[in-house]
Amino acid sequence: MELENKIAIVTGGASGLGRATSEGLVNKGIKVAIFDLNEESGIQAVNELGADNAMFVSVDVTNPESVASAITKVMEAYGAIHILVNCAGIAPAAKVLDREGKAMPLSKFATAININLIGTFNVASQVAEQMAKNEALGEALERGVIVNTASVAGYEGQMGQSAYAASKGGIIALSLPMARDLARTGIRVNAVAPGIMGTPMLLGMPDNVQESLVANIQFPKRMGLPKEFADLVIHIASNAYINGETIRLDGAIRMQPR
């Protein structure tokens, strides 16, 4: 897909990987709608990216009505949606049994699935409905592209990551069947599975924690850069033959049990 002058939605676009992706897309001449619950960070992101390039909408990705209302606002402002990048998510940590032998509250497991997996599907399905109305463009006759955010935890979940790994494994499993469902409409679906990424949250951890996280990364021997995530998303959006894939972005790490 030719990216210039296209319209994108980035969920979780006010911080971390989503914020880097929003900036990368704007730098490619794309107008970006940032979907996020953090209004302060969302407004700040729009101010930094420029009101001519970006807009912010407060959205609860788990709520169908909230997502539908936000999509309507994007259509009123920009007239189309060509790219969706789902970055909204949480990373809870809890073992199936705690040190006292008590089971993880089901609500904690359900919350991770609801936000990370169901929230991703909620936005993707509703945006796909709108994308299907686009004019088919280019030799591939594309109407849109969806990029979801999985995680290496979806392949090698660590101790305490049962809920998180299950939610991200679901996103990995979602890529191919959703791509098959949407093939006739000219919409591609892919996912990126990041490893240890240098987001503000991780970079705020103590040095010894950061060193422990980096220890199992093969090469380059460092955390991934949010810009590298954004660059991969942009390549996926522009390369019409990447479809139904989950691409690891992890420096060849394979997560250890702990």
C-alpha atoms as a PDB file:
ATOM      1  CA  MET A   1       0.000   0.000   0.000  1.00  0.00           C
ATOM      2  CA  GLU A   2       1.195   3.475  -0.826  1.00  0.00           C
ATOM      3  CA  LEU A   3       1.258   5.164   2.566  1.00  0.00           C
ATOM      4  CA  GLU A   4       1.243   8.879   1.857  1.00  0.00           C
ATOM      5  CA  ASN A   5      -2.053  10.635   2.568  1.00  0.00           C
ATOM      6  CA  LYS A   6      -3.569   7.536   4.148  1.00  0.00           C
ATOM      7  CA  ILE A   7      -5.464   7.473   7.457  1.00  0.00           C
ATOM      8  CA  ALA A   8      -4.428   5.298  10.420  1.00  0.00           C
ATOM      9  CA  ILE A   9      -5.788   4.415  13.840  1.00  0.00           C
ATOM     10  CA  VAL A  10      -3.330   3.460  16.588  1.00  0.00           C
ATOM     11  CA  THR A  11      -4.822   2.053  19.793  1.00  0.00           C
ATOM     12  CA  GLY A  12      -2.681   2.690  22.838  1.00  0.00           C
ATOM     13  CA  GLY A  13      -1.119   5.373  20.653  1.00  0.00           C
ATOM     14  CA  ALA A  14      -0.372   7.840  23.432  1.00  0.00           C
ATOM     15  CA  SER A  15       2.575   5.968  24.964  1.00  0.00           C
ATOM     16  CA  GLY A  16       5.213   3.289  24.461  1.00  0.00           C
ATOM     17  CA  LEU A  17       5.168   1.315  21.217  1.00  0.00           C
ATOM     18  CA  GLY A  18       1.920   2.951  20.146  1.00  0.00           C
ATOM     19  CA  ARG A  19       3.338   6.437  20.566  1.00  0.00           C
ATOM     20  CA  ALA A  20       6.434   5.550  18.524  1.00  0.00           C
ATOM     21  CA  THR A  21       4.205   4.055  15.842  1.00  0.00           C
ATOM     22  CA  SER A  22       2.011   7.155  15.722  1.00  0.00           C
ATOM     23  CA  GLU A  23       5.091   9.305  15.173  1.00  0.00           C
ATOM     24  CA  GLY A  24       6.504   6.958  12.530  1.00  0.00           C
ATOM     25  CA  LEU A  25       3.249   6.972  10.591  1.00  0.00           C
ATOM     26  CA  VAL A  26       2.962  10.760  10.717  1.00  0.00           C
ATOM     27  CA  ASN A  27       6.522  11.013   9.398  1.00  0.00           C
ATOM     28  CA  LYS A  28       5.366   8.977   6.383  1.00  0.00           C
ATOM     29  CA  GLY A  29       2.643  11.479   5.568  1.00  0.00           C
ATOM     30  CA  ILE A  30      -0.172   9.563   7.265  1.00  0.00           C
ATOM     31  CA  LYS A  31      -2.826  11.169   9.426  1.00  0.00           C
ATOM     32  CA  VAL A  32      -3.215   9.317  12.717  1.00  0.00           C
ATOM     33  CA  ALA A  33      -6.134   8.932  15.100  1.00  0.00           C
ATOM     34  CA  ILE A  34      -4.831   8.009  18.549  1.00  0.00           C
ATOM     35  CA  PHE A  35      -7.215   5.796  20.547  1.00  0.00           C
ATOM     36  CA  ASP A  36      -6.278   5.740  24.234  1.00  0.00           C
ATOM     37  CA  LEU A  37      -7.786   6.043  27.710  1.00  0.00           C
ATOM     38  CA  ASN A  38      -5.058   8.423  28.920  1.00  0.00           C
ATOM     39  CA  GLU A  39      -6.454  11.785  27.862  1.00  0.00           C
ATOM     40  CA  GLU A  40      -3.507  13.819  29.144  1.00  0.00           C
ATOM     41  CA  SER A  41      -0.950  11.756  27.216  1.00  0.00           C
ATOM     42  CA  GLY A  42      -3.210  11.646  24.142  1.00  0.00           C
ATOM     43  CA  ILE A  43      -3.550  15.423  23.994  1.00  0.00           C
ATOM     44  CA  GLN A  44       0.184  15.820  24.553  1.00  0.00           C
ATOM     45  CA  ALA A  45       0.892  13.414  21.680  1.00  0.00           C
ATOM     46  CA  VAL A  46      -1.368  15.403  19.332  1.00  0.00           C
ATOM     47  CA  ASN A  47       0.343  18.632  20.360  1.00  0.00           C
ATOM     48  CA  GLU A  48       3.746  17.112  19.591  1.00  0.00           C
ATOM     49  CA  LEU A  49       2.690  15.512  16.306  1.00  0.00           C
ATOM     50  CA  GLY A  50       0.677  18.522  15.184  1.00  0.00           C
ATOM     51  CA  ALA A  51      -3.089  18.974  15.105  1.00  0.00           C
ATOM     52  CA  ASP A  52      -2.991  18.840  11.295  1.00  0.00           C
ATOM     53  CA  ASN A  53      -1.448  15.361  11.486  1.00  0.00           C
ATOM     54  CA  ALA A  54      -3.172  13.684  14.415  1.00  0.00           C
ATOM     55  CA  MET A  55      -6.291  13.564  16.552  1.00  0.00           C
ATOM     56  CA  PHE A  56      -7.040  11.983  19.912  1.00  0.00           C
ATOM     57  CA  VAL A  57     -10.148  10.042  20.896  1.00  0.00           C
ATOM     58  CA  SER A  58     -10.704   8.605  24.372  1.00  0.00           C
ATOM     59  CA  VAL A  59     -11.620   4.954  23.777  1.00  0.00           C
ATOM     60  CA  ASP A  60     -12.243   1.852  25.856  1.00  0.00           C
ATOM     61  CA  VAL A  61     -11.226  -0.918  23.457  1.00  0.00           C
ATOM     62  CA  THR A  62     -13.308  -3.472  25.354  1.00  0.00           C
ATOM     63  CA  ASN A  63     -16.525  -1.505  24.843  1.00  0.00           C
ATOM     64  CA  PRO A  64     -18.206  -1.948  21.433  1.00  0.00           C
ATOM     65  CA  GLU A  65     -20.128   1.337  21.722  1.00  0.00           C
ATOM     66  CA  SER A  66     -17.007   3.290  22.681  1.00  0.00           C
ATOM     67  CA  VAL A  67     -15.134   1.891  19.677  1.00  0.00           C
ATOM     68  CA  ALA A  68     -18.050   2.519  17.290  1.00  0.00           C
ATOM     69  CA  SER A  69     -18.349   6.126  18.469  1.00  0.00           C
ATOM     70  CA  ALA A  70     -14.611   6.684  18.034  1.00  0.00           C
ATOM     71  CA  ILE A  71     -14.636   5.257  14.506  1.00  0.00           C
ATOM     72  CA  THR A  72     -17.479   7.632  13.625  1.00  0.00           C
ATOM     73  CA  LYS A  73     -15.382  10.564  14.860  1.00  0.00           C
ATOM     74  CA  VAL A  74     -12.447   9.460  12.701  1.00  0.00           C
ATOM     75  CA  MET A  75     -14.669   9.161   9.648  1.00  0.00           C
ATOM     76  CA  GLU A  76     -16.122  12.620  10.273  1.00  0.00           C
ATOM     77  CA  ALA A  77     -12.647  14.105  10.606  1.00  0.00           C
ATOM     78  CA  TYR A  78     -10.732  12.199   7.910  1.00  0.00           C
ATOM     79  CA  GLY A  79     -13.275  10.421   5.704  1.00  0.00           C
ATOM     80  CA  ALA A  80     -11.587   6.995   5.591  1.00  0.00           C
ATOM     81  CA  ILE A  81      -9.489   4.466   7.536  1.00  0.00           C
ATOM     82  CA  HIS A  82      -6.733   2.543   5.744  1.00  0.00           C
ATOM     83  CA  ILE A  83      -4.442   1.292   8.529  1.00  0.00           C
ATOM     84  CA  LEU A  84      -5.119  -0.027  12.025  1.00  0.00           C
ATOM     85  CA  VAL A  85      -2.360  -0.726  14.537  1.00  0.00           C
ATOM     86  CA  ASN A  86      -3.570  -2.322  17.774  1.00  0.00           C
ATOM     87  CA  CYS A  87      -1.104  -1.535  20.580  1.00  0.00           C
ATOM     88  CA  ALA A  88      -3.476  -1.132  23.532  1.00  0.00           C
ATOM     89  CA  GLY A  89      -2.850  -3.734  26.201  1.00  0.00           C
ATOM     90  CA  ILE A  90      -1.798  -4.592  29.731  1.00  0.00           C
ATOM     91  CA  ALA A  91       0.872  -6.889  31.139  1.00  0.00           C
ATOM     92  CA  PRO A  92      -0.325  -8.318  34.460  1.00  0.00           C
ATOM     93  CA  ALA A  93       1.870 -10.695  36.440  1.00  0.00           C
ATOM     94  CA  ALA A  94       0.417 -13.395  38.672  1.00  0.00           C
ATOM     95  CA  LYS A  95       1.064 -17.101  39.137  1.00  0.00           C
ATOM     96  CA  VAL A  96      -1.723 -19.667  38.871  1.00  0.00           C
ATOM     97  CA  LEU A  97      -1.137 -20.417  42.574  1.00  0.00           C
ATOM     98  CA  ASP A  98       0.421 -17.823  44.855  1.00  0.00           C
ATOM     99  CA  ARG A  99       2.923 -18.583  47.638  1.00  0.00           C
ATOM    100  CA  GLU A 100       0.080 -19.455  49.999  1.00  0.00           C
ATOM    101  CA  GLY A 101      -1.357 -21.895  47.447  1.00  0.00           C
ATOM    102  CA  LYS A 102      -4.340 -19.721  46.574  1.00  0.00           C
ATOM    103  CA  ALA A 103      -5.566 -19.658  42.977  1.00  0.00           C
ATOM    104  CA  MET A 104      -5.228 -16.565  40.839  1.00  0.00           C
ATOM    105  CA  PRO A 105      -8.538 -14.657  40.906  1.00  0.00           C
ATOM    106  CA  LEU A 106     -10.407 -15.424  37.703  1.00  0.00           C
ATOM    107  CA  SER A 107     -11.080 -11.712  37.307  1.00  0.00           C
ATOM    108  CA  LYS A 108      -7.350 -11.054  36.824  1.00  0.00           C
ATOM    109  CA  PHE A 109      -7.109 -13.646  34.054  1.00  0.00           C
ATOM    110  CA  ALA A 110     -10.335 -12.414  32.436  1.00  0.00           C
ATOM    111  CA  THR A 111      -9.204  -8.776  32.489  1.00  0.00           C
ATOM    112  CA  ALA A 112      -6.042  -9.591  30.531  1.00  0.00           C
ATOM    113  CA  ILE A 113      -8.010 -11.577  27.940  1.00  0.00           C
ATOM    114  CA  ASN A 114     -10.687  -8.896  27.732  1.00  0.00           C
ATOM    115  CA  ILE A 115      -8.301  -5.995  27.108  1.00  0.00           C
ATOM    116  CA  ASN A 116      -5.523  -7.672  25.130  1.00  0.00           C
ATOM    117  CA  LEU A 117      -7.409 -10.196  23.001  1.00  0.00           C
ATOM    118  CA  ILE A 118     -11.082  -9.246  22.969  1.00  0.00           C
ATOM    119  CA  GLY A 119     -10.196  -5.547  22.797  1.00  0.00           C
ATOM    120  CA  THR A 120      -7.962  -6.206  19.811  1.00  0.00           C
ATOM    121  CA  PHE A 121     -10.707  -8.144  18.020  1.00  0.00           C
ATOM    122  CA  ASN A 122     -13.338  -5.553  18.924  1.00  0.00           C
ATOM    123  CA  VAL A 123     -11.415  -2.724  17.272  1.00  0.00           C
ATOM    124  CA  ALA A 124     -10.147  -4.816  14.357  1.00  0.00           C
ATOM    125  CA  SER A 125     -13.569  -6.167  13.398  1.00  0.00           C
ATOM    126  CA  GLN A 126     -15.284  -2.787  13.556  1.00  0.00           C
ATOM    127  CA  VAL A 127     -12.505  -1.030  11.654  1.00  0.00           C
ATOM    128  CA  ALA A 128     -12.524  -3.808   9.033  1.00  0.00           C
ATOM    129  CA  GLU A 129     -16.211  -3.114   8.452  1.00  0.00           C
ATOM    130  CA  GLN A 130     -15.313   0.473   7.601  1.00  0.00           C
ATOM    131  CA  MET A 131     -12.194  -0.444   5.597  1.00  0.00           C
ATOM    132  CA  ALA A 132     -14.262  -2.759   3.392  1.00  0.00           C
ATOM    133  CA  LYS A 133     -16.022   0.339   2.042  1.00  0.00           C
ATOM    134  CA  ASN A 134     -12.749   1.860   0.781  1.00  0.00           C
ATOM    135  CA  GLU A 135     -11.866   2.033  -2.884  1.00  0.00           C
ATOM    136  CA  ALA A 136      -9.528  -0.833  -3.840  1.00  0.00           C
ATOM    137  CA  LEU A 137      -6.100   0.689  -4.489  1.00  0.00           C
ATOM    138  CA  GLY A 138      -2.930  -0.333  -6.311  1.00  0.00           C
ATOM    139  CA  GLU A 139      -2.077  -3.488  -8.217  1.00  0.00           C
ATOM    140  CA  ALA A 140      -3.041  -5.611  -5.201  1.00  0.00           C
ATOM    141  CA  LEU A 141      -6.441  -3.896  -4.945  1.00  0.00           C
ATOM    142  CA  GLU A 142      -5.959  -3.262  -1.237  1.00  0.00           C
ATOM    143  CA  ARG A 143      -8.540  -1.637   0.961  1.00  0.00           C
ATOM    144  CA  GLY A 144      -6.739  -1.775   4.278  1.00  0.00           C
ATOM    145  CA  VAL A 145      -4.214  -3.391   6.586  1.00  0.00           C
ATOM    146  CA  ILE A 146      -4.490  -4.392  10.247  1.00  0.00           C
ATOM    147  CA  VAL A 147      -1.414  -4.929  12.440  1.00  0.00           C
ATOM    148  CA  ASN A 148      -2.003  -6.393  15.894  1.00  0.00           C
ATOM    149  CA  THR A 149       0.530  -6.521  18.727  1.00  0.00           C
ATOM    150  CA  ALA A 150       1.326  -9.970  20.095  1.00  0.00           C
ATOM    151  CA  SER A 151       4.418 -10.800  22.181  1.00  0.00           C
ATOM    152  CA  VAL A 152       7.134 -13.415  22.435  1.00  0.00           C
ATOM    153  CA  ALA A 153       5.264 -14.393  25.609  1.00  0.00           C
ATOM    154  CA  GLY A 154       2.628 -15.807  23.270  1.00  0.00           C
ATOM    155  CA  TYR A 155       5.243 -18.435  22.351  1.00  0.00           C
ATOM    156  CA  GLU A 156       7.324 -18.765  25.556  1.00  0.00           C
ATOM    157  CA  GLY A 157       5.359 -17.370  28.454  1.00  0.00           C
ATOM    158  CA  GLN A 158       7.346 -17.043  31.653  1.00  0.00           C
ATOM    159  CA  MET A 159       6.297 -17.887  35.194  1.00  0.00           C
ATOM    160  CA  GLY A 160       3.590 -15.485  36.270  1.00  0.00           C
ATOM    161  CA  GLN A 161       2.516 -14.801  32.681  1.00  0.00           C
ATOM    162  CA  SER A 162      -0.337 -17.279  32.267  1.00  0.00           C
ATOM    163  CA  ALA A 163      -2.927 -14.570  31.622  1.00  0.00           C
ATOM    164  CA  TYR A 164      -0.659 -12.350  29.521  1.00  0.00           C
ATOM    165  CA  ALA A 165       0.743 -15.238  27.467  1.00  0.00           C
ATOM    166  CA  ALA A 166      -2.730 -16.645  26.808  1.00  0.00           C
ATOM    167  CA  SER A 167      -3.953 -13.252  25.582  1.00  0.00           C
ATOM    168  CA  LYS A 168      -0.968 -12.757  23.284  1.00  0.00           C
ATOM    169  CA  GLY A 169      -1.058 -16.347  22.053  1.00  0.00           C
ATOM    170  CA  GLY A 170      -4.641 -15.660  21.060  1.00  0.00           C
ATOM    171  CA  ILE A 171      -3.520 -12.717  18.945  1.00  0.00           C
ATOM    172  CA  ILE A 172      -0.957 -14.934  17.206  1.00  0.00           C
ATOM    173  CA  ALA A 173      -3.651 -17.538  16.495  1.00  0.00           C
ATOM    174  CA  LEU A 174      -5.994 -14.810  15.261  1.00  0.00           C
ATOM    175  CA  SER A 175      -3.754 -13.563  12.441  1.00  0.00           C
ATOM    176  CA  LEU A 176      -4.258 -16.281   9.843  1.00  0.00           C
ATOM    177  CA  PRO A 177      -8.005 -16.936  10.158  1.00  0.00           C
ATOM    178  CA  MET A 178      -8.779 -13.222  10.264  1.00  0.00           C
ATOM    179  CA  ALA A 179      -6.589 -12.696   7.190  1.00  0.00           C
ATOM    180  CA  ARG A 180      -8.506 -15.491   5.455  1.00  0.00           C
ATOM    181  CA  ASP A 181     -11.861 -14.020   6.468  1.00  0.00           C
ATOM    182  CA  LEU A 182     -10.939 -10.578   5.131  1.00  0.00           C
ATOM    183  CA  ALA A 183      -9.053 -11.651   1.999  1.00  0.00           C
ATOM    184  CA  ARG A 184     -12.043 -11.159  -0.293  1.00  0.00           C
ATOM    185  CA  THR A 185     -12.369  -7.562   0.914  1.00  0.00           C
ATOM    186  CA  GLY A 186      -8.721  -6.698   0.188  1.00  0.00           C
ATOM    187  CA  ILE A 187      -7.782  -6.263   3.845  1.00  0.00           C
ATOM    188  CA  ARG A 188      -4.553  -7.795   5.168  1.00  0.00           C
ATOM    189  CA  VAL A 189      -4.035  -8.876   8.783  1.00  0.00           C
ATOM    190  CA  ASN A 190      -0.676  -9.381  10.495  1.00  0.00           C
ATOM    191  CA  ALA A 191       0.844  -9.232  13.952  1.00  0.00           C
ATOM    192  CA  VAL A 192       4.172  -8.247  15.474  1.00  0.00           C
ATOM    193  CA  ALA A 193       5.507 -10.183  18.482  1.00  0.00           C
ATOM    194  CA  PRO A 194       7.972  -7.896  20.269  1.00  0.00           C
ATOM    195  CA  GLY A 195      10.559  -9.169  22.698  1.00  0.00           C
ATOM    196  CA  ILE A 196      12.190  -6.957  25.341  1.00  0.00           C
ATOM    197  CA  MET A 197      11.499  -3.440  24.107  1.00  0.00           C
ATOM    198  CA  GLY A 198      12.981  -0.232  25.528  1.00  0.00           C
ATOM    199  CA  THR A 199       9.722   1.425  26.463  1.00  0.00           C
ATOM    200  CA  PRO A 200       9.673   4.111  29.199  1.00  0.00           C
ATOM    201  CA  MET A 201       8.259   1.531  31.634  1.00  0.00           C
ATOM    202  CA  LEU A 202      11.177  -0.887  31.167  1.00  0.00           C
ATOM    203  CA  LEU A 203      13.800   1.842  31.008  1.00  0.00           C
ATOM    204  CA  GLY A 204      12.551   3.094  34.374  1.00  0.00           C
ATOM    205  CA  MET A 205      13.424  -0.225  36.036  1.00  0.00           C
ATOM    206  CA  PRO A 206      16.614  -0.631  38.101  1.00  0.00           C
ATOM    207  CA  ASP A 207      19.793  -1.332  36.145  1.00  0.00           C
ATOM    208  CA  ASN A 208      20.114  -4.882  37.494  1.00  0.00           C
ATOM    209  CA  VAL A 209      16.595  -5.707  36.297  1.00  0.00           C
ATOM    210  CA  GLN A 210      17.339  -4.297  32.846  1.00  0.00           C
ATOM    211  CA  GLU A 211      20.601  -6.278  32.671  1.00  0.00           C
ATOM    212  CA  SER A 212      18.761  -9.479  33.582  1.00  0.00           C
ATOM    213  CA  LEU A 213      16.209  -8.877  30.830  1.00  0.00           C
ATOM    214  CA  VAL A 214      18.915  -8.235  28.236  1.00  0.00           C
ATOM    215  CA  ALA A 215      20.996 -11.269  29.231  1.00  0.00           C
ATOM    216  CA  ASN A 216      19.118 -13.734  27.027  1.00  0.00           C
ATOM    217  CA  ILE A 217      18.928 -11.491  23.968  1.00  0.00           C
ATOM    218  CA  GLN A 218      21.302 -12.883  21.351  1.00  0.00           C
ATOM    219  CA  PHE A 219      22.051  -9.955  19.026  1.00  0.00           C
ATOM    220  CA  PRO A 220      22.012  -7.008  19.159  1.00  0.00           C
ATOM    221  CA  LYS A 221      22.702  -7.234  22.889  1.00  0.00           C
ATOM    222  CA  ARG A 222      20.210  -4.582  23.933  1.00  0.00           C
ATOM    223  CA  MET A 223      16.517  -3.910  24.251  1.00  0.00           C
ATOM    224  CA  GLY A 224      14.597  -3.265  21.078  1.00  0.00           C
ATOM    225  CA  LEU A 225      13.849   0.331  20.199  1.00  0.00           C
ATOM    226  CA  PRO A 226      10.242   1.514  19.934  1.00  0.00           C
ATOM    227  CA  LYS A 227      11.257   3.055  16.598  1.00  0.00           C
ATOM    228  CA  GLU A 228      12.232  -0.423  15.358  1.00  0.00           C
ATOM    229  CA  PHE A 229       8.725  -1.619  16.171  1.00  0.00           C
ATOM    230  CA  ALA A 230       7.270   1.360  14.305  1.00  0.00           C
ATOM    231  CA  ASP A 231       9.571   0.725  11.321  1.00  0.00           C
ATOM    232  CA  LEU A 232       8.369  -2.885  11.092  1.00  0.00           C
ATOM    233  CA  VAL A 233       4.719  -1.819  11.269  1.00  0.00           C
ATOM    234  CA  ILE A 234       5.334   0.665   8.457  1.00  0.00           C
ATOM    235  CA  HIS A 235       7.023  -2.012   6.335  1.00  0.00           C
ATOM    236  CA  ILE A 236       4.131  -4.419   6.889  1.00  0.00           C
ATOM    237  CA  ALA A 237       1.676  -1.707   5.877  1.00  0.00           C
ATOM    238  CA  SER A 238       3.596  -0.960   2.688  1.00  0.00           C
ATOM    239  CA  ASN A 239       4.386  -4.556   1.628  1.00  0.00           C
ATOM    240  CA  ALA A 240       1.245  -6.049   0.061  1.00  0.00           C
ATOM    241  CA  TYR A 241       2.527  -9.640   0.163  1.00  0.00           C
ATOM    242  CA  ILE A 242       2.875  -9.854   3.945  1.00  0.00           C
ATOM    243  CA  ASN A 243      -0.408 -11.341   5.116  1.00  0.00           C
ATOM    244  CA  GLY A 244      -1.553 -13.708   7.857  1.00  0.00           C
ATOM    245  CA  GLU A 245       1.835 -13.537   9.574  1.00  0.00           C
ATOM    246  CA  THR A 246       3.146 -12.957  13.072  1.00  0.00           C
ATOM    247  CA  ILE A 247       6.674 -11.546  12.914  1.00  0.00           C
ATOM    248  CA  ARG A 248       8.958 -11.792  15.942  1.00  0.00           C
ATOM    249  CA  LEU A 249      10.941  -8.646  16.726  1.00  0.00           C
ATOM    250  CA  ASP A 250      13.176  -9.892  19.496  1.00  0.00           C
ATOM    251  CA  GLY A 251      16.924 -10.085  18.784  1.00  0.00           C
ATOM    252  CA  ALA A 252      16.609 -13.915  18.683  1.00  0.00           C
ATOM    253  CA  ILE A 253      15.609 -14.157  22.349  1.00  0.00           C
ATOM    254  CA  ARG A 254      13.832 -17.262  23.587  1.00  0.00           C
ATOM    255  CA  MET A 255      12.292 -16.526  26.945  1.00  0.00           C
ATOM    256  CA  GLN A 256      13.432 -18.595  29.924  1.00  0.00           C
ATOM    257  CA  PRO A 257      11.011 -19.850  32.607  1.00  0.00           C
ATOM    258  CA  ARG A 258      11.783 -16.844  34.787  1.00  0.00           C
END
